[in-house]
Amino acid sequence: MEKSKSIISVQGVSKDFGHERVLHNITRDFARGKIHGIVGNNGSGKTVLMKCICGFLIPTEGKIFVHGKQVGREVDFPPGLGVIIETPGFLPNVSGIRNLEILASLQKKVGLREIAAAIRRVGLDPELKKPVGKYSLGMRQRLGIAQAIMEDPELLILDEPLNGLDKHGVKEMRDLILGLKEDGKTILLASHNQGDIDALCDTVCEMDAGRMTILRE
């Protein structure tokens, strides 16, 4: 695959924690403008691979390029990237919009208008004063997705983004994710739910004991 068509290029990546190897020689290019699914059980290596792509973990061997720049060498955290990995960590005693304001202040790319629009887009009310500690798991997941999209990133890495949502919430968030793809975004999506993968993904690969198999190209 040509470099220009791939937004992420994973080249011979292995990752060790102490004496245990949790990723084994992963090589995979992810094309722009598609939704790429990653399936696998807990402990299969999905989340570790996503953390390596984001620059949160550095591979023991191999290289990862995002937008053509090597993660951990040329960039610490790839620009134009929105992320949900594991349960989003928010301050429990302040409102949803205040949490996102604090996070947005780190990059200073967006203001209150864009933050409120992202909150509305995921089906929450930006005026809600309730502290995040009193949110249901589904509301917290929605706020996590709002945080991932508020700076209008080109690339989204979403680890189990539909966890904790009821049937209605799952449908709304699937529609949102498909709408993001229509806007030209590239999305890397990990899910346990085969229904999410079937409904959303253009390509699918499976992680099992740190090794990757391509299921749908």
Protein backbone atom coordinates (compact mmCIF):
# COMPACT_ATOMS: atom_id res chain seq x y z
CA MET A 1 0.00 0.00 0.00
CA GLU A 2 1.31 3.44 -0.87
CA LYS A 3 2.34 5.62 2.06
CA SER A 4 -0.08 8.37 1.05
CA LYS A 5 -3.07 5.99 1.26
CA SER A 6 -2.16 4.71 4.74
CA ILE A 7 -2.82 6.93 7.70
CA ILE A 8 -1.28 4.36 10.09
CA SER A 9 1.60 2.03 9.23
CA VAL A 10 2.58 -0.60 11.82
CA GLN A 11 5.88 -2.24 10.87
CA GLY A 12 7.16 -5.35 12.65
CA VAL A 13 5.94 -4.23 16.08
CA SER A 14 6.53 -6.37 19.16
CA LYS A 15 5.97 -5.29 22.76
CA ASP A 16 7.35 -6.88 25.91
CA PHE A 17 6.35 -6.28 29.52
CA GLY A 18 9.24 -7.72 31.51
CA HIS A 19 9.78 -11.27 30.20
CA GLU A 20 6.33 -11.51 28.65
CA ARG A 21 5.82 -10.68 24.95
CA VAL A 22 2.30 -9.29 24.48
CA LEU A 23 2.59 -8.23 20.79
CA HIS A 24 4.33 -10.47 18.26
CA ASN A 25 5.71 -8.87 15.08
CA ILE A 26 2.57 -6.98 13.99
CA THR A 27 2.67 -5.50 10.48
CA ARG A 28 -0.42 -3.74 9.12
CA ASP A 29 -1.28 -0.61 7.15
CA PHE A 30 -4.60 1.14 7.78
CA ALA A 31 -6.01 3.07 4.80
CA ARG A 32 -7.46 6.57 5.10
CA GLY A 33 -11.20 7.20 5.17
CA LYS A 34 -12.27 3.76 6.39
CA ILE A 35 -13.47 2.16 9.63
CA HIS A 36 -11.01 -0.55 10.62
CA GLY A 37 -12.24 -3.11 13.17
CA ILE A 38 -10.04 -4.96 15.63
CA VAL A 39 -11.62 -7.92 17.42
CA GLY A 40 -10.24 -10.17 20.13
CA ASN A 41 -10.77 -11.29 23.70
CA ASN A 42 -9.52 -9.44 26.78
CA GLY A 43 -5.75 -9.84 26.98
CA SER A 44 -5.41 -10.45 23.21
CA GLY A 45 -3.27 -7.32 22.67
CA LYS A 46 -5.88 -4.98 21.10
CA THR A 47 -5.52 -2.23 23.69
CA VAL A 48 -1.72 -2.53 23.87
CA LEU A 49 -1.52 -2.09 20.07
CA MET A 50 -3.80 0.96 20.23
CA LYS A 51 -1.68 2.47 23.03
CA CYS A 52 1.46 1.96 20.90
CA ILE A 53 -0.20 3.71 17.92
CA CYS A 54 -1.12 6.67 20.19
CA GLY A 55 2.41 6.88 21.65
CA PHE A 56 1.29 5.94 25.19
CA LEU A 57 3.53 2.85 24.98
CA ILE A 58 6.74 2.48 22.98
CA PRO A 59 7.23 -0.78 21.03
CA THR A 60 10.09 -3.05 22.10
CA GLU A 61 10.77 -3.74 18.40
CA GLY A 62 9.49 -2.25 15.16
CA LYS A 63 8.13 1.14 14.13
CA ILE A 64 4.75 2.86 13.89
CA PHE A 65 4.07 5.78 11.56
CA VAL A 66 0.98 8.01 11.80
CA HIS A 67 0.56 10.64 9.06
CA GLY A 68 4.04 9.53 7.86
CA LYS A 69 5.75 10.49 11.15
CA GLN A 70 7.32 7.91 13.45
CA VAL A 71 5.53 7.75 16.80
CA GLY A 72 7.93 8.01 19.75
CA ARG A 73 10.70 9.46 17.58
CA GLU A 74 9.34 12.27 15.39
CA VAL A 75 6.12 12.79 17.40
CA ASP A 76 5.23 11.78 20.97
CA PHE A 77 1.48 11.93 20.37
CA PRO A 78 0.29 12.03 16.74
CA PRO A 79 -1.43 15.32 15.82
CA GLY A 80 -5.02 15.22 14.58
CA LEU A 81 -5.88 12.20 16.73
CA GLY A 82 -8.92 11.65 18.96
CA VAL A 83 -8.80 8.76 21.43
CA ILE A 84 -10.94 6.68 23.78
CA ILE A 85 -8.90 3.93 25.41
CA GLU A 86 -10.44 2.06 28.34
CA THR A 87 -12.99 3.91 30.50
CA PRO A 88 -12.51 7.66 29.94
CA GLY A 89 -11.12 9.29 33.10
CA PHE A 90 -13.03 12.43 34.04
CA LEU A 91 -13.08 14.59 37.15
CA PRO A 92 -16.10 13.23 39.06
CA ASN A 93 -17.11 16.42 40.89
CA VAL A 94 -17.56 18.79 37.91
CA SER A 95 -19.96 18.83 34.95
CA GLY A 96 -19.38 17.20 31.56
CA ILE A 97 -18.81 20.49 29.75
CA ARG A 98 -16.37 21.66 32.43
CA ASN A 99 -14.40 18.42 32.08
CA LEU A 100 -14.09 18.94 28.33
CA GLU A 101 -13.19 22.61 28.79
CA ILE A 102 -10.28 21.58 31.04
CA LEU A 103 -9.08 19.00 28.50
CA ALA A 104 -9.48 21.45 25.59
CA SER A 105 -7.39 24.05 27.43
CA LEU A 106 -4.30 21.79 27.00
CA GLN A 107 -4.25 22.23 23.20
CA LYS A 108 -6.23 25.50 22.98
CA LYS A 109 -7.61 24.43 19.58
CA VAL A 110 -11.31 24.73 20.38
CA GLY A 111 -13.58 26.89 22.52
CA LEU A 112 -16.89 26.51 24.29
CA ARG A 113 -18.94 26.58 21.07
CA GLU A 114 -17.14 23.55 19.56
CA ILE A 115 -17.22 21.69 22.90
CA ALA A 116 -20.98 22.24 23.27
CA ALA A 117 -21.54 21.11 19.66
CA ALA A 118 -19.59 17.87 20.31
CA ILE A 119 -21.64 17.22 23.47
CA ARG A 120 -24.89 17.74 21.55
CA ARG A 121 -23.68 15.48 18.73
CA VAL A 122 -23.39 12.52 21.13
CA GLY A 123 -26.88 13.12 22.55
CA LEU A 124 -26.00 14.87 25.82
CA ASP A 125 -27.09 18.31 27.03
CA PRO A 126 -24.20 20.80 27.36
CA GLU A 127 -26.27 22.75 29.94
CA LEU A 128 -26.46 19.75 32.29
CA LYS A 129 -24.99 20.78 35.65
CA LYS A 130 -24.89 17.24 37.09
CA PRO A 131 -21.32 16.21 38.06
CA VAL A 132 -19.80 13.42 35.96
CA GLY A 133 -19.51 11.22 39.07
CA LYS A 134 -23.32 10.92 38.97
CA TYR A 135 -23.39 9.98 35.24
CA SER A 136 -24.46 6.49 34.17
CA LEU A 137 -21.85 4.37 32.35
CA GLY A 138 -23.62 5.10 29.06
CA MET A 139 -23.52 8.88 29.65
CA ARG A 140 -19.83 8.63 30.52
CA GLN A 141 -19.15 6.73 27.27
CA ARG A 142 -21.01 9.43 25.30
CA LEU A 143 -18.95 12.13 27.01
CA GLY A 144 -15.81 10.16 26.13
CA ILE A 145 -16.82 10.13 22.46
CA ALA A 146 -17.53 13.90 22.65
CA GLN A 147 -14.03 14.43 24.05
CA ALA A 148 -12.54 12.34 21.22
CA ILE A 149 -14.32 14.32 18.46
CA MET A 150 -14.38 17.87 19.91
CA GLU A 151 -11.15 19.00 18.18
CA ASP A 152 -12.36 17.60 14.81
CA PRO A 153 -9.50 15.07 14.48
CA GLU A 154 -8.75 13.33 11.18
CA LEU A 155 -8.09 10.01 12.93
CA LEU A 156 -10.08 8.40 15.78
CA ILE A 157 -8.91 5.45 17.90
CA LEU A 158 -11.89 4.07 19.80
CA ASP A 159 -11.44 1.16 22.21
CA GLU A 160 -14.86 -0.35 23.05
CA PRO A 161 -16.68 3.00 22.51
CA LEU A 162 -20.17 1.44 22.74
CA ASN A 163 -19.65 -0.27 26.10
CA GLY A 164 -22.41 0.42 28.61
CA LEU A 165 -24.88 1.86 26.11
CA ASP A 166 -28.46 0.60 25.87
CA LYS A 167 -29.93 -0.52 22.53
CA HIS A 168 -31.09 2.99 21.63
CA GLY A 169 -27.69 4.44 22.59
CA VAL A 170 -25.84 1.83 20.52
CA LYS A 171 -27.91 2.75 17.44
CA GLU A 172 -27.27 6.49 17.96
CA MET A 173 -23.53 5.99 18.39
CA ARG A 174 -23.28 3.64 15.40
CA ASP A 175 -25.00 6.33 13.30
CA LEU A 176 -22.58 8.93 14.70
CA ILE A 177 -19.53 6.79 13.85
CA LEU A 178 -20.81 6.17 10.30
CA GLY A 179 -21.42 9.94 9.98
CA LEU A 180 -17.81 10.62 11.04
CA LYS A 181 -16.62 8.27 8.28
CA GLU A 182 -18.80 10.19 5.79
CA ASP A 183 -17.04 13.35 6.98
CA GLY A 184 -13.77 11.75 5.81
CA LYS A 185 -12.48 10.54 9.17
CA THR A 186 -10.46 7.35 9.58
CA ILE A 187 -11.53 5.24 12.57
CA LEU A 188 -9.77 2.38 14.32
CA LEU A 189 -12.41 0.59 16.39
CA ALA A 190 -11.95 -2.23 18.89
CA SER A 191 -15.08 -4.06 19.99
CA HIS A 192 -16.16 -7.32 21.60
CA ASN A 193 -19.52 -6.96 19.88
CA GLN A 194 -19.73 -8.72 16.51
CA GLY A 195 -22.85 -6.67 15.70
CA ASP A 196 -20.87 -3.40 15.98
CA ILE A 197 -18.09 -4.80 13.81
CA ASP A 198 -20.54 -6.05 11.13
CA ALA A 199 -22.51 -2.78 11.11
CA LEU A 200 -19.55 -0.40 11.04
CA CYS A 201 -16.28 -1.82 9.74
CA ASP A 202 -14.78 -1.85 6.23
CA THR A 203 -11.83 -4.03 7.27
CA VAL A 204 -11.50 -6.42 10.22
CA CYS A 205 -8.48 -8.00 11.86
CA GLU A 206 -8.35 -10.26 14.89
CA MET A 207 -5.89 -10.16 17.75
CA ASP A 208 -5.22 -13.43 19.56
CA ALA A 209 -2.39 -13.86 22.10
CA GLY A 210 -0.60 -10.84 20.62
CA ARG A 211 -0.73 -12.01 17.00
CA MET A 212 -2.82 -10.45 14.25
CA THR A 213 -4.90 -12.23 11.58
CA ILE A 214 -6.71 -10.38 8.78
CA LEU A 215 -10.39 -11.43 8.65
CA ARG A 216 -11.72 -8.92 6.11
CA GLU A 217 -9.64 -6.73 3.83
